[in-house]
C-alpha atoms as a PDB file:
ATOM      1  CA  MET A   1      20.873   7.060  10.925  1.00  0.00           C
ATOM      2  CA  ILE A   2      18.395   8.903   8.755  1.00  0.00           C
ATOM      3  CA  THR A   3      18.296  12.639   9.316  1.00  0.00           C
ATOM      4  CA  ARG A   4      15.467  15.064   8.678  1.00  0.00           C
ATOM      5  CA  GLN A   5      17.777  16.836   6.259  1.00  0.00           C
ATOM      6  CA  ALA A   6      18.162  13.645   4.199  1.00  0.00           C
ATOM      7  CA  VAL A   7      14.391  13.256   3.985  1.00  0.00           C
ATOM      8  CA  ARG A   8      13.951  16.944   3.115  1.00  0.00           C
ATOM      9  CA  THR A   9      16.575  16.648   0.370  1.00  0.00           C
ATOM     10  CA  LEU A  10      14.809  13.662  -1.180  1.00  0.00           C
ATOM     11  CA  ARG A  11      11.493  15.503  -1.148  1.00  0.00           C
ATOM     12  CA  THR A  12      13.047  18.568  -2.741  1.00  0.00           C
ATOM     13  CA  ASN A  13      14.883  16.561  -5.410  1.00  0.00           C
ATOM     14  CA  SER A  14      12.129  14.128  -6.331  1.00  0.00           C
ATOM     15  CA  THR A  15      11.921  12.887  -9.905  1.00  0.00           C
ATOM     16  CA  GLU A  16       9.211  13.957 -12.311  1.00  0.00           C
ATOM     17  CA  ALA A  17       7.563  10.540 -11.961  1.00  0.00           C
ATOM     18  CA  GLU A  18       7.568  10.837  -8.147  1.00  0.00           C
ATOM     19  CA  ARG A  19       6.024  14.327  -8.331  1.00  0.00           C
ATOM     20  CA  VAL A  20       3.325  13.173 -10.754  1.00  0.00           C
ATOM     21  CA  LEU A  21       2.458  10.137  -8.625  1.00  0.00           C
ATOM     22  CA  TRP A  22       2.490  12.189  -5.412  1.00  0.00           C
ATOM     23  CA  HIS A  23      -0.091  14.516  -6.964  1.00  0.00           C
ATOM     24  CA  GLN A  24      -2.363  11.459  -7.353  1.00  0.00           C
ATOM     25  CA  LEU A  25      -1.684  10.018  -3.877  1.00  0.00           C
ATOM     26  CA  ARG A  26      -1.617  13.102  -1.655  1.00  0.00           C
ATOM     27  CA  ALA A  27      -4.555  14.237   0.458  1.00  0.00           C
ATOM     28  CA  ALA A  28      -6.165  10.773   0.317  1.00  0.00           C
ATOM     29  CA  ARG A  29      -7.099  11.344  -3.325  1.00  0.00           C
ATOM     30  CA  LEU A  30      -6.709   7.697  -4.240  1.00  0.00           C
ATOM     31  CA  SER A  31      -9.837   5.940  -2.959  1.00  0.00           C
ATOM     32  CA  GLY A  32      -9.424   7.602   0.432  1.00  0.00           C
ATOM     33  CA  TYR A  33      -6.095   5.927   1.263  1.00  0.00           C
ATOM     34  CA  LYS A  34      -3.652   8.219   3.042  1.00  0.00           C
ATOM     35  CA  PHE A  35      -0.088   8.119   1.765  1.00  0.00           C
ATOM     36  CA  ARG A  36       3.068   9.763   3.053  1.00  0.00           C
ATOM     37  CA  ARG A  37       6.099  10.427   0.884  1.00  0.00           C
ATOM     38  CA  GLN A  38       9.820  10.026   1.526  1.00  0.00           C
ATOM     39  CA  THR A  39       9.183   8.395   4.878  1.00  0.00           C
ATOM     40  CA  PRO A  40      11.844   6.663   6.997  1.00  0.00           C
ATOM     41  CA  ILE A  41      11.117   3.044   7.885  1.00  0.00           C
ATOM     42  CA  GLY A  42      13.974   1.449   9.753  1.00  0.00           C
ATOM     43  CA  ARG A  43      17.207   2.341   8.007  1.00  0.00           C
ATOM     44  CA  TYR A  44      15.467   3.021   4.683  1.00  0.00           C
ATOM     45  CA  ILE A  45      13.544   5.938   3.218  1.00  0.00           C
ATOM     46  CA  VAL A  46      10.611   4.767   1.120  1.00  0.00           C
ATOM     47  CA  ASP A  47       9.108   6.805  -1.709  1.00  0.00           C
ATOM     48  CA  PHE A  48       5.468   6.418  -0.624  1.00  0.00           C
ATOM     49  CA  VAL A  49       3.783   4.505   2.185  1.00  0.00           C
ATOM     50  CA  CYS A  50       0.202   3.854   3.234  1.00  0.00           C
ATOM     51  CA  PHE A  51       0.433   2.661   6.839  1.00  0.00           C
ATOM     52  CA  GLU A  52      -3.253   1.687   6.901  1.00  0.00           C
ATOM     53  CA  ALA A  53      -2.742  -0.802   4.053  1.00  0.00           C
ATOM     54  CA  ARG A  54       0.882  -1.615   5.011  1.00  0.00           C
ATOM     55  CA  LEU A  55       1.814  -0.774   1.414  1.00  0.00           C
ATOM     56  CA  ILE A  56       4.999   0.823   0.121  1.00  0.00           C
ATOM     57  CA  VAL A  57       5.184   2.194  -3.410  1.00  0.00           C
ATOM     58  CA  GLU A  58       8.599   2.713  -4.980  1.00  0.00           C
ATOM     59  CA  VAL A  59       9.231   4.596  -8.223  1.00  0.00           C
ATOM     60  CA  ASP A  60      12.466   3.469  -9.839  1.00  0.00           C
ATOM     61  CA  GLY A  61      14.633   5.084 -12.471  1.00  0.00           C
ATOM     62  CA  GLY A  62      17.466   3.640 -14.502  1.00  0.00           C
ATOM     63  CA  GLN A  63      19.917   3.623 -11.573  1.00  0.00           C
ATOM     64  CA  HIS A  64      17.987   0.722 -10.053  1.00  0.00           C
ATOM     65  CA  VAL A  65      19.186  -1.609 -12.810  1.00  0.00           C
ATOM     66  CA  GLU A  66      22.656  -1.407 -11.269  1.00  0.00           C
ATOM     67  CA  GLN A  67      21.493  -1.804  -7.662  1.00  0.00           C
ATOM     68  CA  GLN A  68      19.228  -4.829  -7.913  1.00  0.00           C
ATOM     69  CA  ALA A  69      20.960  -6.659  -5.053  1.00  0.00           C
ATOM     70  CA  TYR A  70      20.438  -3.668  -2.740  1.00  0.00           C
ATOM     71  CA  ASP A  71      16.790  -3.327  -3.793  1.00  0.00           C
ATOM     72  CA  THR A  72      16.193  -7.049  -3.216  1.00  0.00           C
ATOM     73  CA  GLU A  73      17.683  -6.857   0.296  1.00  0.00           C
ATOM     74  CA  ARG A  74      15.724  -3.685   1.063  1.00  0.00           C
ATOM     75  CA  THR A  75      12.439  -5.191  -0.154  1.00  0.00           C
ATOM     76  CA  ALA A  76      13.027  -8.371   1.864  1.00  0.00           C
ATOM     77  CA  TRP A  77      13.605  -6.331   5.034  1.00  0.00           C
ATOM     78  CA  LEU A  78      10.509  -4.175   4.455  1.00  0.00           C
ATOM     79  CA  GLU A  79       8.387  -7.271   3.791  1.00  0.00           C
ATOM     80  CA  ALA A  80       9.719  -8.840   7.004  1.00  0.00           C
ATOM     81  CA  GLN A  81       8.310  -5.771   8.787  1.00  0.00           C
ATOM     82  CA  GLY A  82       4.845  -6.577   7.409  1.00  0.00           C
ATOM     83  CA  PHE A  83       4.771  -4.283   4.359  1.00  0.00           C
ATOM     84  CA  ARG A  84       4.038  -5.129   0.760  1.00  0.00           C
ATOM     85  CA  VAL A  85       6.250  -3.357  -1.754  1.00  0.00           C
ATOM     86  CA  LEU A  86       5.093  -2.309  -5.217  1.00  0.00           C
ATOM     87  CA  ARG A  87       7.731  -1.089  -7.664  1.00  0.00           C
ATOM     88  CA  PHE A  88       7.079   0.914 -10.800  1.00  0.00           C
ATOM     89  CA  TRP A  89       9.513   2.250 -13.376  1.00  0.00           C
ATOM     90  CA  ASN A  90       9.443   5.989 -14.020  1.00  0.00           C
ATOM     91  CA  THR A  91       8.223   5.248 -17.549  1.00  0.00           C
ATOM     92  CA  GLU A  92       5.255   3.271 -16.188  1.00  0.00           C
ATOM     93  CA  VAL A  93       4.192   6.132 -13.934  1.00  0.00           C
ATOM     94  CA  LEU A  94       4.550   8.727 -16.669  1.00  0.00           C
ATOM     95  CA  GLY A  95       3.047   6.614 -19.452  1.00  0.00           C
ATOM     96  CA  ASN A  96       0.340   4.585 -17.713  1.00  0.00           C
ATOM     97  CA  MET A  97      -0.848   6.507 -14.661  1.00  0.00           C
ATOM     98  CA  GLU A  98      -4.329   4.957 -14.725  1.00  0.00           C
ATOM     99  CA  GLY A  99      -2.873   1.445 -14.684  1.00  0.00           C
ATOM    100  CA  VAL A 100      -0.469   2.358 -11.875  1.00  0.00           C
ATOM    101  CA  LYS A 101      -3.277   3.850  -9.783  1.00  0.00           C
ATOM    102  CA  GLU A 102      -5.432   0.773 -10.380  1.00  0.00           C
ATOM    103  CA  MET A 103      -2.652  -1.539  -9.188  1.00  0.00           C
ATOM    104  CA  ILE A 104      -2.082   0.598  -6.077  1.00  0.00           C
ATOM    105  CA  VAL A 105      -5.786   0.659  -5.166  1.00  0.00           C
ATOM    106  CA  ARG A 106      -6.015  -3.098  -5.684  1.00  0.00           C
ATOM    107  CA  ALA A 107      -2.956  -3.663  -3.465  1.00  0.00           C
ATOM    108  CA  CYS A 108      -4.381  -1.370  -0.760  1.00  0.00           C
ATOM    109  CA  GLY A 109      -7.518  -3.494  -0.627  1.00  0.00           C
ATOM    110  CA  GLU A 110      -5.631  -6.771  -0.244  1.00  0.00           C
ATOM    111  CA  GLU A 111      -4.932  -8.193   3.175  1.00  0.00           C
ATOM    112  CA  SER A 112      -1.476  -7.340   4.469  1.00  0.00           C
ATOM    113  CA  PRO A 113       0.950 -10.112   5.424  1.00  0.00           C
ATOM    114  CA  SER A 114       1.826 -10.558   9.093  1.00  0.00           C
ATOM    115  CA  PRO A 115       5.323  -9.400  10.134  1.00  0.00           C
END
């Protein structure tokens, strides 16, 4: 079970890439789409989610290289719930913010799959 404390801890200890991206997504700054951060969905906590577009954005660091099987299972479950999942490496967010934002806006405008 996900606790409020777990969510609060993730928000407090977010990576630099997550903080930088959140600054771009918060307060509907990205083409008017409203995102939430560190949000529980089922048994997972996602980095960012736009419920309107059924889009989840994950920002991954080096630890995700070692947990690919977990990430694949997690993504499959989230997609089965009707979400699309975009993943970016920390280096992408920090080095190509305009490209990342463009991909997110494009994904928000696409039709969501049915659960």
